[in-house]
Amino acid sequence: MIQRIQTLLILILSLLSLTTFYFSYEVQSKSIVNNIFLFVAIVSFINIFLFHYRLVQARICLMLYFVFISIITYYFIYLLNGIKLEPTYFHISSSFIQLVLAFFARKAILKDEDLIRSVDRIR
């Protein structure tokens, strides 16, 4: 389980989301985005243990794409309207890094799935 690169990427994603939640909770405790980061941390940590179900892992990573894109869009709309929120740049950069990590994790998961399917064809 731990030797797979996607496990490490998802673990880093989970830890980054948890640290983003922790540091932004002190600044903005009632923001819905903080709760979303906590949700992402929990879901991505659970996603690590679904290594037998690679397609489910890939779908969860795809779901996380949309979560991170919506967070980035949410803050960009606020920035375009001139509203300056405290952890705005921190959330945008953290979401972008997590989006890239989820992308590479999904790519590695689908690569493993293709490898398994090719081995099944040979038998």
N, C-alpha and C. Protein backbone atom coordinates (compact mmCIF):
# COMPACT_ATOMS: atom_id res chain seq x y z
N MET A 1 0.83 -1.19 0.00
CA MET A 1 0.00 0.00 0.00
C MET A 1 0.87 1.25 0.00
N ILE A 2 1.86 1.35 0.89
CA ILE A 2 2.64 2.58 1.01
C ILE A 2 3.65 2.72 -0.12
N GLN A 3 3.99 1.63 -0.81
CA GLN A 3 4.97 1.74 -1.87
C GLN A 3 4.39 2.34 -3.14
N ARG A 4 3.12 2.49 -3.22
CA ARG A 4 2.50 3.10 -4.40
C ARG A 4 2.63 4.62 -4.31
N ILE A 5 3.01 5.23 -5.42
CA ILE A 5 3.23 6.68 -5.44
C ILE A 5 1.94 7.44 -5.18
N GLN A 6 0.81 6.89 -5.65
CA GLN A 6 -0.45 7.61 -5.43
C GLN A 6 -0.83 7.64 -3.95
N THR A 7 -0.40 6.64 -3.19
CA THR A 7 -0.66 6.66 -1.75
C THR A 7 0.08 7.81 -1.10
N LEU A 8 1.32 8.00 -1.49
CA LEU A 8 2.09 9.12 -0.94
C LEU A 8 1.51 10.46 -1.36
N LEU A 9 1.08 10.56 -2.62
CA LEU A 9 0.49 11.82 -3.08
C LEU A 9 -0.82 12.13 -2.35
N ILE A 10 -1.64 11.12 -2.14
CA ILE A 10 -2.90 11.34 -1.43
C ILE A 10 -2.64 11.66 0.03
N LEU A 11 -1.61 11.04 0.63
CA LEU A 11 -1.25 11.35 2.01
C LEU A 11 -0.77 12.79 2.14
N ILE A 12 0.05 13.24 1.22
CA ILE A 12 0.51 14.64 1.22
C ILE A 12 -0.68 15.57 1.03
N LEU A 13 -1.60 15.21 0.15
CA LEU A 13 -2.81 16.01 -0.08
C LEU A 13 -3.62 16.12 1.21
N SER A 14 -3.77 15.01 1.90
CA SER A 14 -4.53 15.01 3.15
C SER A 14 -3.86 15.86 4.22
N LEU A 15 -2.55 15.74 4.36
CA LEU A 15 -1.84 16.52 5.36
C LEU A 15 -1.85 18.01 5.03
N LEU A 16 -1.73 18.34 3.74
CA LEU A 16 -1.78 19.75 3.34
C LEU A 16 -3.16 20.35 3.59
N SER A 17 -4.18 19.57 3.33
CA SER A 17 -5.53 20.05 3.58
C SER A 17 -5.78 20.23 5.08
N LEU A 18 -5.24 19.33 5.88
CA LEU A 18 -5.39 19.44 7.33
C LEU A 18 -4.64 20.65 7.88
N THR A 19 -3.44 20.91 7.37
CA THR A 19 -2.71 22.09 7.83
C THR A 19 -3.38 23.38 7.36
N THR A 20 -3.95 23.36 6.16
CA THR A 20 -4.69 24.53 5.69
C THR A 20 -5.89 24.79 6.58
N PHE A 21 -6.59 23.73 6.96
CA PHE A 21 -7.72 23.88 7.87
C PHE A 21 -7.26 24.43 9.22
N TYR A 22 -6.17 23.90 9.73
CA TYR A 22 -5.70 24.30 11.05
C TYR A 22 -5.28 25.77 11.09
N PHE A 23 -4.49 26.21 10.10
CA PHE A 23 -4.00 27.58 10.12
C PHE A 23 -5.07 28.59 9.76
N SER A 24 -6.03 28.21 8.95
CA SER A 24 -7.08 29.16 8.61
C SER A 24 -8.22 29.14 9.62
N TYR A 25 -8.30 28.10 10.45
CA TYR A 25 -9.34 28.05 11.47
C TYR A 25 -9.10 29.10 12.54
N GLU A 26 -7.83 29.40 12.80
CA GLU A 26 -7.52 30.43 13.80
C GLU A 26 -7.93 31.82 13.31
N VAL A 27 -7.85 32.04 11.99
CA VAL A 27 -8.16 33.35 11.43
C VAL A 27 -9.66 33.49 11.19
N GLN A 28 -10.25 32.49 10.57
CA GLN A 28 -11.66 32.54 10.16
C GLN A 28 -12.35 31.26 10.59
N SER A 29 -12.91 31.24 11.78
CA SER A 29 -13.43 30.00 12.32
C SER A 29 -14.80 29.63 11.75
N LYS A 30 -15.55 30.57 11.21
CA LYS A 30 -16.91 30.27 10.77
C LYS A 30 -17.05 30.19 9.25
N SER A 31 -15.96 30.08 8.53
CA SER A 31 -16.01 30.02 7.08
C SER A 31 -16.35 28.62 6.63
N ILE A 32 -17.17 28.52 5.59
CA ILE A 32 -17.54 27.22 5.03
C ILE A 32 -16.35 26.58 4.34
N VAL A 33 -15.42 27.38 3.85
CA VAL A 33 -14.25 26.84 3.17
C VAL A 33 -13.37 26.06 4.15
N ASN A 34 -13.30 26.49 5.38
CA ASN A 34 -12.54 25.74 6.39
C ASN A 34 -13.13 24.35 6.59
N ASN A 35 -14.45 24.27 6.62
CA ASN A 35 -15.11 22.98 6.76
C ASN A 35 -14.88 22.11 5.53
N ILE A 36 -14.80 22.73 4.37
CA ILE A 36 -14.52 21.97 3.14
C ILE A 36 -13.12 21.39 3.19
N PHE A 37 -12.15 22.16 3.70
CA PHE A 37 -10.79 21.63 3.81
C PHE A 37 -10.72 20.47 4.80
N LEU A 38 -11.48 20.54 5.88
CA LEU A 38 -11.53 19.42 6.82
C LEU A 38 -12.16 18.20 6.16
N PHE A 39 -13.23 18.41 5.41
CA PHE A 39 -13.89 17.32 4.68
C PHE A 39 -12.93 16.68 3.68
N VAL A 40 -12.18 17.50 2.96
CA VAL A 40 -11.21 16.98 1.99
C VAL A 40 -10.13 16.17 2.69
N ALA A 41 -9.67 16.63 3.84
CA ALA A 41 -8.64 15.90 4.59
C ALA A 41 -9.15 14.52 5.01
N ILE A 42 -10.37 14.47 5.47
CA ILE A 42 -10.95 13.19 5.91
C ILE A 42 -11.18 12.26 4.73
N VAL A 43 -11.76 12.79 3.65
CA VAL A 43 -12.04 11.96 2.48
C VAL A 43 -10.76 11.45 1.84
N SER A 44 -9.76 12.29 1.73
CA SER A 44 -8.51 11.84 1.11
C SER A 44 -7.78 10.84 2.00
N PHE A 45 -7.90 10.97 3.32
CA PHE A 45 -7.28 9.98 4.20
C PHE A 45 -7.99 8.64 4.08
N ILE A 46 -9.30 8.65 3.98
CA ILE A 46 -10.05 7.41 3.77
C ILE A 46 -9.73 6.82 2.40
N ASN A 47 -9.49 7.69 1.44
CA ASN A 47 -9.17 7.26 0.07
C ASN A 47 -7.87 6.43 0.02
N ILE A 48 -6.97 6.66 0.94
CA ILE A 48 -5.73 5.89 0.99
C ILE A 48 -6.03 4.41 1.22
N PHE A 49 -7.00 4.12 2.05
CA PHE A 49 -7.29 2.74 2.42
C PHE A 49 -8.21 2.04 1.43
N LEU A 50 -8.57 2.70 0.36
CA LEU A 50 -9.38 2.08 -0.69
C LEU A 50 -8.51 1.58 -1.83
N PHE A 51 -7.29 1.14 -1.52
CA PHE A 51 -6.35 0.78 -2.58
C PHE A 51 -6.77 -0.47 -3.35
N HIS A 52 -7.66 -1.28 -2.81
CA HIS A 52 -8.18 -2.42 -3.57
C HIS A 52 -9.19 -1.99 -4.62
N TYR A 53 -9.78 -0.84 -4.43
CA TYR A 53 -10.82 -0.34 -5.35
C TYR A 53 -10.25 0.86 -6.09
N ARG A 54 -9.44 0.60 -7.10
CA ARG A 54 -8.73 1.66 -7.81
C ARG A 54 -9.67 2.60 -8.54
N LEU A 55 -10.75 2.08 -9.11
CA LEU A 55 -11.68 2.97 -9.83
C LEU A 55 -12.43 3.90 -8.87
N VAL A 56 -12.70 3.42 -7.67
CA VAL A 56 -13.33 4.28 -6.66
C VAL A 56 -12.35 5.37 -6.23
N GLN A 57 -11.08 4.98 -6.07
CA GLN A 57 -10.06 5.98 -5.74
C GLN A 57 -9.96 7.04 -6.83
N ALA A 58 -10.02 6.61 -8.09
CA ALA A 58 -9.93 7.57 -9.19
C ALA A 58 -11.14 8.50 -9.21
N ARG A 59 -12.31 7.97 -8.91
CA ARG A 59 -13.51 8.82 -8.87
C ARG A 59 -13.45 9.82 -7.72
N ILE A 60 -12.92 9.39 -6.59
CA ILE A 60 -12.79 10.31 -5.46
C ILE A 60 -11.80 11.43 -5.80
N CYS A 61 -10.71 11.08 -6.47
CA CYS A 61 -9.76 12.12 -6.91
C CYS A 61 -10.41 13.07 -7.90
N LEU A 62 -11.26 12.55 -8.77
CA LEU A 62 -11.99 13.41 -9.71
C LEU A 62 -12.95 14.33 -8.96
N MET A 63 -13.59 13.82 -7.92
CA MET A 63 -14.47 14.65 -7.10
C MET A 63 -13.66 15.77 -6.42
N LEU A 64 -12.45 15.42 -5.98
CA LEU A 64 -11.61 16.43 -5.33
C LEU A 64 -11.17 17.50 -6.31
N TYR A 65 -11.02 17.15 -7.60
CA TYR A 65 -10.75 18.17 -8.62
C TYR A 65 -11.78 19.28 -8.55
N PHE A 66 -13.05 18.87 -8.59
CA PHE A 66 -14.13 19.85 -8.62
C PHE A 66 -14.21 20.66 -7.33
N VAL A 67 -13.87 20.04 -6.22
CA VAL A 67 -13.85 20.78 -4.95
C VAL A 67 -12.78 21.86 -4.98
N PHE A 68 -11.58 21.50 -5.43
CA PHE A 68 -10.49 22.48 -5.46
C PHE A 68 -10.73 23.57 -6.50
N ILE A 69 -11.27 23.19 -7.64
CA ILE A 69 -11.58 24.20 -8.66
C ILE A 69 -12.66 25.15 -8.17
N SER A 70 -13.64 24.63 -7.42
CA SER A 70 -14.69 25.51 -6.90
C SER A 70 -14.14 26.44 -5.81
N ILE A 71 -13.20 25.97 -5.00
CA ILE A 71 -12.59 26.84 -3.98
C ILE A 71 -11.78 27.95 -4.65
N ILE A 72 -11.00 27.59 -5.66
CA ILE A 72 -10.21 28.59 -6.38
C ILE A 72 -11.11 29.60 -7.05
N THR A 73 -12.19 29.14 -7.68
CA THR A 73 -13.14 30.04 -8.33
C THR A 73 -13.82 30.95 -7.32
N TYR A 74 -14.19 30.41 -6.17
CA TYR A 74 -14.83 31.18 -5.10
C TYR A 74 -13.95 32.35 -4.67
N TYR A 75 -12.68 32.09 -4.44
CA TYR A 75 -11.80 33.15 -4.00
C TYR A 75 -11.44 34.13 -5.12
N PHE A 76 -11.34 33.64 -6.35
CA PHE A 76 -11.09 34.56 -7.46
C PHE A 76 -12.26 35.51 -7.68
N ILE A 77 -13.47 35.03 -7.49
CA ILE A 77 -14.65 35.91 -7.61
C ILE A 77 -14.60 36.99 -6.54
N TYR A 78 -14.23 36.61 -5.31
CA TYR A 78 -14.11 37.60 -4.26
C TYR A 78 -12.99 38.59 -4.55
N LEU A 79 -11.89 38.12 -5.11
CA LEU A 79 -10.79 39.03 -5.43
C LEU A 79 -11.17 39.98 -6.56
N LEU A 80 -11.92 39.49 -7.55
CA LEU A 80 -12.34 40.36 -8.65
C LEU A 80 -13.33 41.41 -8.21
N ASN A 81 -14.13 41.09 -7.18
CA ASN A 81 -15.08 42.06 -6.66
C ASN A 81 -14.44 43.04 -5.67
N GLY A 82 -13.18 42.84 -5.37
CA GLY A 82 -12.48 43.77 -4.49
C GLY A 82 -12.60 43.43 -3.02
N ILE A 83 -13.19 42.29 -2.69
CA ILE A 83 -13.32 41.89 -1.29
C ILE A 83 -12.07 41.13 -0.90
N LYS A 84 -11.36 41.62 0.09
CA LYS A 84 -10.12 40.99 0.53
C LYS A 84 -10.40 40.18 1.78
N LEU A 85 -10.29 38.88 1.67
CA LEU A 85 -10.44 38.00 2.82
C LEU A 85 -9.06 37.68 3.37
N GLU A 86 -8.97 37.36 4.64
CA GLU A 86 -7.68 37.14 5.28
C GLU A 86 -6.87 36.00 4.64
N PRO A 87 -7.36 34.77 4.63
CA PRO A 87 -6.52 33.67 4.12
C PRO A 87 -6.68 33.41 2.63
N THR A 88 -7.01 34.42 1.85
CA THR A 88 -7.33 34.22 0.44
C THR A 88 -6.19 33.62 -0.34
N TYR A 89 -5.03 34.22 -0.31
CA TYR A 89 -3.91 33.74 -1.10
C TYR A 89 -3.40 32.39 -0.60
N PHE A 90 -3.48 32.19 0.69
CA PHE A 90 -3.09 30.91 1.28
C PHE A 90 -4.01 29.80 0.80
N HIS A 91 -5.31 30.05 0.78
CA HIS A 91 -6.27 29.05 0.32
C HIS A 91 -6.13 28.79 -1.18
N ILE A 92 -5.91 29.84 -1.96
CA ILE A 92 -5.77 29.66 -3.41
C ILE A 92 -4.53 28.83 -3.72
N SER A 93 -3.41 29.16 -3.10
CA SER A 93 -2.18 28.42 -3.39
C SER A 93 -2.27 26.99 -2.86
N SER A 94 -2.85 26.81 -1.70
CA SER A 94 -3.01 25.47 -1.15
C SER A 94 -3.95 24.63 -2.03
N SER A 95 -5.03 25.23 -2.49
CA SER A 95 -5.97 24.51 -3.36
C SER A 95 -5.33 24.15 -4.69
N PHE A 96 -4.52 25.05 -5.22
CA PHE A 96 -3.86 24.75 -6.49
C PHE A 96 -2.86 23.60 -6.33
N ILE A 97 -2.09 23.60 -5.25
CA ILE A 97 -1.14 22.51 -5.00
C ILE A 97 -1.88 21.19 -4.80
N GLN A 98 -2.99 21.24 -4.08
CA GLN A 98 -3.77 20.02 -3.86
C GLN A 98 -4.42 19.54 -5.15
N LEU A 99 -4.80 20.46 -6.02
CA LEU A 99 -5.35 20.08 -7.32
C LEU A 99 -4.31 19.33 -8.14
N VAL A 100 -3.08 19.82 -8.13
CA VAL A 100 -2.00 19.16 -8.87
C VAL A 100 -1.70 17.79 -8.27
N LEU A 101 -1.69 17.69 -6.94
CA LEU A 101 -1.45 16.40 -6.29
C LEU A 101 -2.56 15.40 -6.62
N ALA A 102 -3.80 15.85 -6.61
CA ALA A 102 -4.92 14.96 -6.95
C ALA A 102 -4.84 14.53 -8.41
N PHE A 103 -4.40 15.43 -9.29
CA PHE A 103 -4.26 15.09 -10.70
C PHE A 103 -3.23 13.98 -10.89
N PHE A 104 -2.06 14.14 -10.28
CA PHE A 104 -1.01 13.13 -10.44
C PHE A 104 -1.37 11.82 -9.73
N ALA A 105 -2.09 11.90 -8.62
CA ALA A 105 -2.53 10.68 -7.94
C ALA A 105 -3.53 9.91 -8.81
N ARG A 106 -4.47 10.63 -9.42
CA ARG A 106 -5.44 9.98 -10.29
C ARG A 106 -4.76 9.37 -11.52
N LYS A 107 -3.79 10.07 -12.04
CA LYS A 107 -3.05 9.57 -13.19
C LYS A 107 -2.32 8.27 -12.83
N ALA A 108 -1.71 8.20 -11.65
CA ALA A 108 -1.01 6.99 -11.22
C ALA A 108 -1.99 5.86 -10.92
N ILE A 109 -3.16 6.18 -10.38
CA ILE A 109 -4.17 5.16 -10.11
C ILE A 109 -4.66 4.54 -11.41
N LEU A 110 -4.94 5.38 -12.40
CA LEU A 110 -5.40 4.86 -13.69
C LEU A 110 -4.30 4.08 -14.41
N LYS A 111 -3.06 4.47 -14.20
CA LYS A 111 -1.94 3.72 -14.78
C LYS A 111 -1.86 2.33 -14.15
N ASP A 112 -2.05 2.23 -12.83
CA ASP A 112 -2.09 0.93 -12.17
C ASP A 112 -3.25 0.09 -12.68
N GLU A 113 -4.39 0.72 -12.87
CA GLU A 113 -5.57 -0.01 -13.36
C GLU A 113 -5.33 -0.55 -14.77
N ASP A 114 -4.70 0.24 -15.61
CA ASP A 114 -4.36 -0.24 -16.96
C ASP A 114 -3.37 -1.39 -16.90
N LEU A 115 -2.42 -1.33 -16.00
CA LEU A 115 -1.45 -2.42 -15.84
C LEU A 115 -2.14 -3.70 -15.39
N ILE A 116 -3.06 -3.60 -14.46
CA ILE A 116 -3.79 -4.77 -13.98
C ILE A 116 -4.64 -5.37 -15.10
N ARG A 117 -5.30 -4.52 -15.86
CA ARG A 117 -6.12 -5.01 -16.98
C ARG A 117 -5.27 -5.65 -18.07
N SER A 118 -4.07 -5.14 -18.31
CA SER A 118 -3.22 -5.74 -19.32
C SER A 118 -2.70 -7.11 -18.87
N VAL A 119 -2.45 -7.26 -17.59
CA VAL A 119 -2.02 -8.56 -17.06
C VAL A 119 -3.17 -9.56 -17.14
N ASP A 120 -4.39 -9.11 -16.90
CA ASP A 120 -5.55 -10.00 -17.01
C ASP A 120 -5.77 -10.47 -18.45
N ARG A 121 -5.45 -9.65 -19.41
CA ARG A 121 -5.60 -10.03 -20.82
C ARG A 121 -4.63 -11.12 -21.21
N ILE A 122 -3.46 -11.11 -20.61
CA ILE A 122 -2.42 -12.08 -20.97
C ILE A 122 -2.81 -13.48 -20.50
N ARG A 123 -3.49 -13.58 -19.38
CA ARG A 123 -3.86 -14.89 -18.83
C ARG A 123 -4.82 -15.59 -19.71
